[in-house]
Structures are given as structure tokens and as C-alpha cells.
């Protein structure tokens, strides 16, 4: 049942209202950019302005929208900005997987409580293949139970900036590797990069090997 407290589409509104109630203009001494506009009147330069902000930022909350697939997660990651997500535990994998495959054990959702798992949404996930991407190492994950837990994000981001700068640097280093593996390299030297095309080839080889092993 959807209402203003549990509707995933309202999560960004909860975050905005929580920040405004705090009546602050900075986070751990750093400036905060918070902006919203009418979806029917999006400025022509909205995309370029957003990317500029991503490049200038340490953190960017990636909160639920209409669906669990969120292009902005990868936009932020490519800009070197750390995605901040609400991490909901999945207690019953049978709700999503009829046969409860072994790789589904212990998965979480960054969309909503009992929502689609990260392995079902993010490409080349480590739970699918041993050479996959460990997205958990590329985000600042804030434990969530219900949608209103969005209020915790501000406190966790501030604490991380003030008390865990080495953790920020490590996540940034992890992002550098993850971003390459989710992007198609271009140019004459594209083959030198461990990019998304290479990941697709590895996935195909993995799938074909599985078919070959089944035929033995």
C-alpha cells in the first residue's frame, strides 16, 4: 500500500524536507547544493549543470524514483562523486526468486524495503559472476528499514567527512575501477581498457562455458 511515508517516489521529498528542517547551509564545513524544479519546466541546461555539480561534490544521495533503475547512479559515479544509498535488507529471497539461487543469499536493495536486489539491477554484479563488480565498495551505504530512514543520510555523510576521510579516499579509488567497467571505451586504444564491452565478452564466455559443462 502506498502513502506519503512509504511511496518510493516520495523519498527525495522526505530528504529535502529533512534538510530544510535542519536549517543549515553546509555539511561538515562544506557547501551543500540542494535544488528542485518543476518536471514540466526543466531548464535547457539542467543536465550540464547537474554534471558540473557532480564533479564538484564528494557525496550525492541516490534516492528512489519511479523505478529501481537509476541512470543518475552511473552519472554520479562517472563524475567521481560517491553515491550515497539507503541499504535495505532482503529477508526473503523467495519473493523475487522462485528457486532461491545461491547467489541471491544476503542481497540488499537500494530502492526500497523488499525491493529489487542490487544484483537484479546493476550490470556485471559480483554475485552473478566471480569477475563481477563489487558495487558495495563504490558507495556510502546507510542502513535502512523504512523509507523515512532517509533522515540518517545527512548524519552519516557528515560523520564520514569529519571522522573517516581515509574511507572516502578508498571509495573514490574503488569508483575509478568501477566506472571504467560500466563505460564503453572509445578511440583506437579502446581495447586496452577493462570496459563494459570486455565485461560483456566475459559474461558471454561464462555463459557458454556453463552450457558446455551442462552437456558433459
C-alpha atoms as a PDB file:
ATOM      1  CA  UNK A   1       0.000   0.000   0.000  1.00  0.00           C
ATOM      2  CA  UNK A   2       1.408   3.389  -0.955  1.00  0.00           C
ATOM      3  CA  UNK A   3       1.219   6.500   1.149  1.00  0.00           C
ATOM      4  CA  UNK A   4       3.366   9.580   1.691  1.00  0.00           C
ATOM      5  CA  UNK A   5       5.603   7.675   4.095  1.00  0.00           C
ATOM      6  CA  UNK A   6       6.318   4.544   2.080  1.00  0.00           C
ATOM      7  CA  UNK A   7       5.958   5.545  -1.542  1.00  0.00           C
ATOM      8  CA  UNK A   8       9.471   5.245  -3.074  1.00  0.00           C
ATOM      9  CA  UNK A   9       8.677   8.198  -5.323  1.00  0.00           C
ATOM     10  CA  UNK A  10       8.433  10.433  -2.239  1.00  0.00           C
ATOM     11  CA  UNK A  11      11.853   9.560  -0.847  1.00  0.00           C
ATOM     12  CA  UNK A  12      13.581  12.596  -2.351  1.00  0.00           C
ATOM     13  CA  UNK A  13      10.890  14.848  -0.894  1.00  0.00           C
ATOM     14  CA  UNK A  14      11.496  13.319   2.549  1.00  0.00           C
ATOM     15  CA  UNK A  15      15.208  14.041   2.199  1.00  0.00           C
ATOM     16  CA  UNK A  16      14.620  17.637   1.079  1.00  0.00           C
ATOM     17  CA  UNK A  17      12.188  18.352   3.900  1.00  0.00           C
ATOM     18  CA  UNK A  18      14.522  16.797   6.461  1.00  0.00           C
ATOM     19  CA  UNK A  19      17.385  19.014   5.289  1.00  0.00           C
ATOM     20  CA  UNK A  20      15.235  22.158   5.315  1.00  0.00           C
ATOM     21  CA  UNK A  21      14.097  21.421   8.873  1.00  0.00           C
ATOM     22  CA  UNK A  22      17.734  21.401   9.948  1.00  0.00           C
ATOM     23  CA  UNK A  23      18.042  24.990   8.690  1.00  0.00           C
ATOM     24  CA  UNK A  24      21.642  24.556   7.568  1.00  0.00           C
ATOM     25  CA  UNK A  25      23.655  25.710   4.579  1.00  0.00           C
ATOM     26  CA  UNK A  26      26.717  23.470   4.999  1.00  0.00           C
ATOM     27  CA  UNK A  27      27.738  19.935   5.913  1.00  0.00           C
ATOM     28  CA  UNK A  28      30.905  19.494   7.976  1.00  0.00           C
ATOM     29  CA  UNK A  29      32.041  22.905   6.773  1.00  0.00           C
ATOM     30  CA  UNK A  30      31.411  22.088   3.116  1.00  0.00           C
ATOM     31  CA  UNK A  31      28.746  23.786   0.945  1.00  0.00           C
ATOM     32  CA  UNK A  32      25.588  21.873   0.072  1.00  0.00           C
ATOM     33  CA  UNK A  33      23.717  22.148  -3.214  1.00  0.00           C
ATOM     34  CA  UNK A  34      20.016  21.328  -2.979  1.00  0.00           C
ATOM     35  CA  UNK A  35      17.782  22.193  -5.889  1.00  0.00           C
ATOM     36  CA  UNK A  36      14.418  21.142  -7.282  1.00  0.00           C
ATOM     37  CA  UNK A  37      12.341  22.263 -10.240  1.00  0.00           C
ATOM     38  CA  UNK A  38       9.017  21.540 -11.868  1.00  0.00           C
ATOM     39  CA  UNK A  39       9.261  18.486 -14.135  1.00  0.00           C
ATOM     40  CA  UNK A  40       7.204  20.299 -16.768  1.00  0.00           C
ATOM     41  CA  UNK A  41       9.650  23.214 -16.889  1.00  0.00           C
ATOM     42  CA  UNK A  42      13.114  21.689 -16.859  1.00  0.00           C
ATOM     43  CA  UNK A  43      15.807  24.277 -17.733  1.00  0.00           C
ATOM     44  CA  UNK A  44      17.628  23.692 -21.025  1.00  0.00           C
ATOM     45  CA  UNK A  45      20.985  23.480 -19.242  1.00  0.00           C
ATOM     46  CA  UNK A  46      19.745  21.281 -16.389  1.00  0.00           C
ATOM     47  CA  UNK A  47      21.804  18.249 -17.440  1.00  0.00           C
ATOM     48  CA  UNK A  48      25.078  20.119 -17.855  1.00  0.00           C
ATOM     49  CA  UNK A  49      24.518  21.954 -14.583  1.00  0.00           C
ATOM     50  CA  UNK A  50      23.884  18.671 -12.800  1.00  0.00           C
ATOM     51  CA  UNK A  51      27.105  17.145 -14.134  1.00  0.00           C
ATOM     52  CA  UNK A  52      29.026  20.228 -13.020  1.00  0.00           C
ATOM     53  CA  UNK A  53      27.691  19.758  -9.501  1.00  0.00           C
ATOM     54  CA  UNK A  54      28.561  16.058  -9.521  1.00  0.00           C
ATOM     55  CA  UNK A  55      32.165  16.863 -10.462  1.00  0.00           C
ATOM     56  CA  UNK A  56      32.414  19.372  -7.630  1.00  0.00           C
ATOM     57  CA  UNK A  57      30.877  17.125  -4.966  1.00  0.00           C
ATOM     58  CA  UNK A  58      32.166  14.477  -2.569  1.00  0.00           C
ATOM     59  CA  UNK A  59      28.771  12.840  -1.991  1.00  0.00           C
ATOM     60  CA  UNK A  60      25.471  12.696  -3.825  1.00  0.00           C
ATOM     61  CA  UNK A  61      22.433  10.873  -2.366  1.00  0.00           C
ATOM     62  CA  UNK A  62      20.967   8.496  -4.957  1.00  0.00           C
ATOM     63  CA  UNK A  63      17.397   8.147  -3.766  1.00  0.00           C
ATOM     64  CA  UNK A  64      14.471   6.135  -5.072  1.00  0.00           C
ATOM     65  CA  UNK A  65      12.456   7.353  -8.031  1.00  0.00           C
ATOM     66  CA  UNK A  66       9.738   5.788 -10.148  1.00  0.00           C
ATOM     67  CA  UNK A  67      11.775   2.596 -10.671  1.00  0.00           C
ATOM     68  CA  UNK A  68      14.840   0.862  -9.285  1.00  0.00           C
ATOM     69  CA  UNK A  69      16.849   1.524 -12.475  1.00  0.00           C
ATOM     70  CA  UNK A  70      18.595   4.842 -11.946  1.00  0.00           C
ATOM     71  CA  UNK A  71      20.828   6.304 -14.638  1.00  0.00           C
ATOM     72  CA  UNK A  72      21.902   9.030 -12.228  1.00  0.00           C
ATOM     73  CA  UNK A  73      23.748   6.408 -10.168  1.00  0.00           C
ATOM     74  CA  UNK A  74      26.167   5.937 -13.071  1.00  0.00           C
ATOM     75  CA  UNK A  75      26.231   9.666 -13.906  1.00  0.00           C
ATOM     76  CA  UNK A  76      27.403  10.410 -10.372  1.00  0.00           C
ATOM     77  CA  UNK A  77      29.875   7.552 -10.380  1.00  0.00           C
ATOM     78  CA  UNK A  78      31.418   8.674 -13.687  1.00  0.00           C
ATOM     79  CA  UNK A  79      31.932  12.152 -12.207  1.00  0.00           C
ATOM     80  CA  UNK A  80      33.987  10.715  -9.358  1.00  0.00           C
ATOM     81  CA  UNK A  81      31.292  11.584  -6.836  1.00  0.00           C
ATOM     82  CA  UNK A  82      30.394   8.972  -4.214  1.00  0.00           C
ATOM     83  CA  UNK A  83      26.776   7.706  -4.440  1.00  0.00           C
ATOM     84  CA  UNK A  84      25.024   7.583  -1.071  1.00  0.00           C
ATOM     85  CA  UNK A  85      22.317   4.914  -0.883  1.00  0.00           C
ATOM     86  CA  UNK A  86      19.790   3.598   1.591  1.00  0.00           C
ATOM     87  CA  UNK A  87      20.584  -0.080   2.056  1.00  0.00           C
ATOM     88  CA  UNK A  88      17.512  -2.245   2.704  1.00  0.00           C
ATOM     89  CA  UNK A  89      17.969  -5.873   3.664  1.00  0.00           C
ATOM     90  CA  UNK A  90      16.188  -8.600   1.694  1.00  0.00           C
ATOM     91  CA  UNK A  91      14.943 -11.107   4.230  1.00  0.00           C
ATOM     92  CA  UNK A  92      13.039 -13.397   1.903  1.00  0.00           C
ATOM     93  CA  UNK A  93      14.626 -14.045  -1.487  1.00  0.00           C
ATOM     94  CA  UNK A  94      11.658 -16.219  -2.446  1.00  0.00           C
ATOM     95  CA  UNK A  95       9.719 -13.017  -3.033  1.00  0.00           C
ATOM     96  CA  UNK A  96      11.904 -12.373  -6.077  1.00  0.00           C
ATOM     97  CA  UNK A  97      13.435 -15.714  -6.982  1.00  0.00           C
ATOM     98  CA  UNK A  98      11.319 -18.837  -7.371  1.00  0.00           C
ATOM     99  CA  UNK A  99      14.238 -21.224  -6.899  1.00  0.00           C
ATOM    100  CA  UNK A 100      16.184 -19.042  -4.416  1.00  0.00           C
ATOM    101  CA  UNK A 101      19.557 -19.338  -6.197  1.00  0.00           C
ATOM    102  CA  UNK A 102      22.661 -19.396  -4.017  1.00  0.00           C
ATOM    103  CA  UNK A 103      23.883 -16.049  -5.344  1.00  0.00           C
ATOM    104  CA  UNK A 104      20.740 -14.369  -4.013  1.00  0.00           C
ATOM    105  CA  UNK A 105      21.667 -15.051  -0.385  1.00  0.00           C
ATOM    106  CA  UNK A 106      22.225 -11.935   1.698  1.00  0.00           C
ATOM    107  CA  UNK A 107      21.400  -9.451  -1.048  1.00  0.00           C
ATOM    108  CA  UNK A 108      20.172  -5.961  -0.367  1.00  0.00           C
ATOM    109  CA  UNK A 109      18.082  -3.391  -2.213  1.00  0.00           C
ATOM    110  CA  UNK A 110      18.963   0.265  -2.757  1.00  0.00           C
ATOM    111  CA  UNK A 111      15.438   1.008  -3.942  1.00  0.00           C
ATOM    112  CA  UNK A 112      13.029   0.162  -1.135  1.00  0.00           C
ATOM    113  CA  UNK A 113      12.365  -2.356   1.613  1.00  0.00           C
ATOM    114  CA  UNK A 114      11.951  -5.776  -0.030  1.00  0.00           C
ATOM    115  CA  UNK A 115      12.596  -4.115  -3.382  1.00  0.00           C
ATOM    116  CA  UNK A 116      14.597  -5.311  -6.352  1.00  0.00           C
ATOM    117  CA  UNK A 117      18.045  -6.504  -5.314  1.00  0.00           C
ATOM    118  CA  UNK A 118      21.239  -4.815  -6.409  1.00  0.00           C
ATOM    119  CA  UNK A 119      22.206  -7.967  -8.353  1.00  0.00           C
ATOM    120  CA  UNK A 120      18.977  -7.732 -10.358  1.00  0.00           C
ATOM    121  CA  UNK A 121      19.563  -4.076 -11.270  1.00  0.00           C
ATOM    122  CA  UNK A 122      23.266  -3.275 -11.605  1.00  0.00           C
ATOM    123  CA  UNK A 123      25.228  -4.832 -14.520  1.00  0.00           C
ATOM    124  CA  UNK A 124      28.081  -7.304 -14.036  1.00  0.00           C
ATOM    125  CA  UNK A 125      27.259  -7.700 -10.350  1.00  0.00           C
ATOM    126  CA  UNK A 126      29.735  -9.687  -8.242  1.00  0.00           C
ATOM    127  CA  UNK A 127      27.014 -12.043  -7.020  1.00  0.00           C
ATOM    128  CA  UNK A 128      26.409 -13.205 -10.581  1.00  0.00           C
ATOM    129  CA  UNK A 129      29.984 -13.931 -11.656  1.00  0.00           C
ATOM    130  CA  UNK A 130      33.318 -14.149  -9.866  1.00  0.00           C
ATOM    131  CA  UNK A 131      34.784 -11.386 -12.065  1.00  0.00           C
ATOM    132  CA  UNK A 132      31.829  -9.077 -11.406  1.00  0.00           C
ATOM    133  CA  UNK A 133      31.769  -5.598  -9.914  1.00  0.00           C
ATOM    134  CA  UNK A 134      31.585  -5.134  -6.163  1.00  0.00           C
ATOM    135  CA  UNK A 135      29.226  -2.161  -6.083  1.00  0.00           C
ATOM    136  CA  UNK A 136      29.136  -2.263  -2.294  1.00  0.00           C
ATOM    137  CA  UNK A 137      32.692  -0.903  -2.309  1.00  0.00           C
ATOM    138  CA  UNK A 138      31.708   2.026  -4.548  1.00  0.00           C
ATOM    139  CA  UNK A 139      29.025   3.634  -2.394  1.00  0.00           C
ATOM    140  CA  UNK A 140      28.405   5.017   1.055  1.00  0.00           C
ATOM    141  CA  UNK A 141      25.609   2.733   2.242  1.00  0.00           C
ATOM    142  CA  UNK A 142      23.307   3.883   5.034  1.00  0.00           C
ATOM    143  CA  UNK A 143      21.293   1.105   6.739  1.00  0.00           C
ATOM    144  CA  UNK A 144      17.591   1.438   6.004  1.00  0.00           C
ATOM    145  CA  UNK A 145      14.485  -0.229   7.342  1.00  0.00           C
ATOM    146  CA  UNK A 146      11.678   2.005   6.099  1.00  0.00           C
ATOM    147  CA  UNK A 147      11.664   4.910   3.654  1.00  0.00           C
ATOM    148  CA  UNK A 148      11.732   7.507   6.431  1.00  0.00           C
ATOM    149  CA  UNK A 149      15.248   6.360   7.328  1.00  0.00           C
ATOM    150  CA  UNK A 150      16.361   8.871   4.701  1.00  0.00           C
ATOM    151  CA  UNK A 151      16.902  11.257   7.631  1.00  0.00           C
ATOM    152  CA  UNK A 152      20.016   9.257   8.533  1.00  0.00           C
ATOM    153  CA  UNK A 153      21.822  10.161   5.324  1.00  0.00           C
ATOM    154  CA  UNK A 154      22.831  13.647   6.419  1.00  0.00           C
ATOM    155  CA  UNK A 155      24.275  12.422   9.723  1.00  0.00           C
ATOM    156  CA  UNK A 156      26.233   9.595   8.102  1.00  0.00           C
ATOM    157  CA  UNK A 157      27.685  11.838   5.376  1.00  0.00           C
ATOM    158  CA  UNK A 158      28.753  14.412   7.959  1.00  0.00           C
ATOM    159  CA  UNK A 159      30.314  11.807  10.238  1.00  0.00           C
ATOM    160  CA  UNK A 160      32.213  10.282   7.315  1.00  0.00           C
ATOM    161  CA  UNK A 161      33.649  13.652   6.254  1.00  0.00           C
ATOM    162  CA  UNK A 162      34.691  14.589   9.787  1.00  0.00           C
ATOM    163  CA  UNK A 163      35.918  11.249  11.110  1.00  0.00           C
ATOM    164  CA  UNK A 164      36.593   8.852   8.226  1.00  0.00           C
ATOM    165  CA  UNK A 165      38.496  10.667   5.468  1.00  0.00           C
ATOM    166  CA  UNK A 166      40.501   7.520   4.617  1.00  0.00           C
ATOM    167  CA  UNK A 167      37.227   5.700   3.893  1.00  0.00           C
ATOM    168  CA  UNK A 168      36.241   8.441   1.452  1.00  0.00           C
ATOM    169  CA  UNK A 169      39.539   8.102  -0.371  1.00  0.00           C
ATOM    170  CA  UNK A 170      39.203   4.314  -0.587  1.00  0.00           C
ATOM    171  CA  UNK A 171      35.696   4.542  -2.062  1.00  0.00           C
ATOM    172  CA  UNK A 172      36.951   7.073  -4.602  1.00  0.00           C
ATOM    173  CA  UNK A 173      39.707   4.662  -5.649  1.00  0.00           C
ATOM    174  CA  UNK A 174      37.140   1.866  -5.989  1.00  0.00           C
ATOM    175  CA  UNK A 175      34.951   4.157  -8.104  1.00  0.00           C
ATOM    176  CA  UNK A 176      37.783   4.688 -10.554  1.00  0.00           C
ATOM    177  CA  UNK A 177      37.838   0.981 -11.392  1.00  0.00           C
ATOM    178  CA  UNK A 178      34.054   0.540 -11.315  1.00  0.00           C
ATOM    179  CA  UNK A 179      33.369   3.497 -13.612  1.00  0.00           C
ATOM    180  CA  UNK A 180      35.636   2.118 -16.338  1.00  0.00           C
ATOM    181  CA  UNK A 181      33.947  -1.280 -16.220  1.00  0.00           C
ATOM    182  CA  UNK A 182      30.499   0.232 -16.786  1.00  0.00           C
ATOM    183  CA  UNK A 183      31.512   2.507 -19.673  1.00  0.00           C
ATOM    184  CA  UNK A 184      32.247   1.785 -23.330  1.00  0.00           C
ATOM    185  CA  UNK A 185      35.750   2.971 -24.175  1.00  0.00           C
ATOM    186  CA  UNK A 186      36.253   4.879 -27.445  1.00  0.00           C
ATOM    187  CA  UNK A 187      39.175   5.520 -29.749  1.00  0.00           C
ATOM    188  CA  UNK A 188      41.942   3.427 -31.270  1.00  0.00           C
ATOM    189  CA  UNK A 189      43.189   2.309 -27.859  1.00  0.00           C
ATOM    190  CA  UNK A 190      39.757   1.291 -26.540  1.00  0.00           C
ATOM    191  CA  UNK A 191      40.823  -2.372 -26.452  1.00  0.00           C
ATOM    192  CA  UNK A 192      43.307  -1.577 -23.687  1.00  0.00           C
ATOM    193  CA  UNK A 193      40.607  -0.780 -21.166  1.00  0.00           C
ATOM    194  CA  UNK A 194      38.693  -3.143 -18.924  1.00  0.00           C
ATOM    195  CA  UNK A 195      35.461  -1.534 -20.074  1.00  0.00           C
ATOM    196  CA  UNK A 196      31.819  -2.585 -20.451  1.00  0.00           C
ATOM    197  CA  UNK A 197      32.469  -4.255 -23.811  1.00  0.00           C
ATOM    198  CA  UNK A 198      35.088  -6.505 -22.217  1.00  0.00           C
ATOM    199  CA  UNK A 199      32.668  -7.263 -19.380  1.00  0.00           C
ATOM    200  CA  UNK A 200      30.041  -8.355 -21.908  1.00  0.00           C
ATOM    201  CA  UNK A 201      32.534 -10.655 -23.640  1.00  0.00           C
ATOM    202  CA  UNK A 202      33.499 -12.174 -20.296  1.00  0.00           C
ATOM    203  CA  UNK A 203      29.817 -12.702 -19.460  1.00  0.00           C
ATOM    204  CA  UNK A 204      29.225 -14.459 -22.791  1.00  0.00           C
ATOM    205  CA  UNK A 205      32.244 -16.706 -22.288  1.00  0.00           C
ATOM    206  CA  UNK A 206      30.998 -17.508 -18.785  1.00  0.00           C
ATOM    207  CA  UNK A 207      27.541 -18.381 -20.148  1.00  0.00           C
ATOM    208  CA  UNK A 208      28.929 -20.570 -22.938  1.00  0.00           C
ATOM    209  CA  UNK A 209      31.194 -22.375 -20.516  1.00  0.00           C
ATOM    210  CA  UNK A 210      28.172 -23.112 -18.364  1.00  0.00           C
ATOM    211  CA  UNK A 211      26.328 -24.587 -21.351  1.00  0.00           C
ATOM    212  CA  UNK A 212      29.372 -26.694 -22.252  1.00  0.00           C
ATOM    213  CA  UNK A 213      29.679 -28.010 -18.710  1.00  0.00           C
ATOM    214  CA  UNK A 214      25.993 -28.972 -18.693  1.00  0.00           C
ATOM    215  CA  UNK A 215      26.469 -31.013 -21.873  1.00  0.00           C
ATOM    216  CA  UNK A 216      29.259 -33.116 -20.406  1.00  0.00           C
END
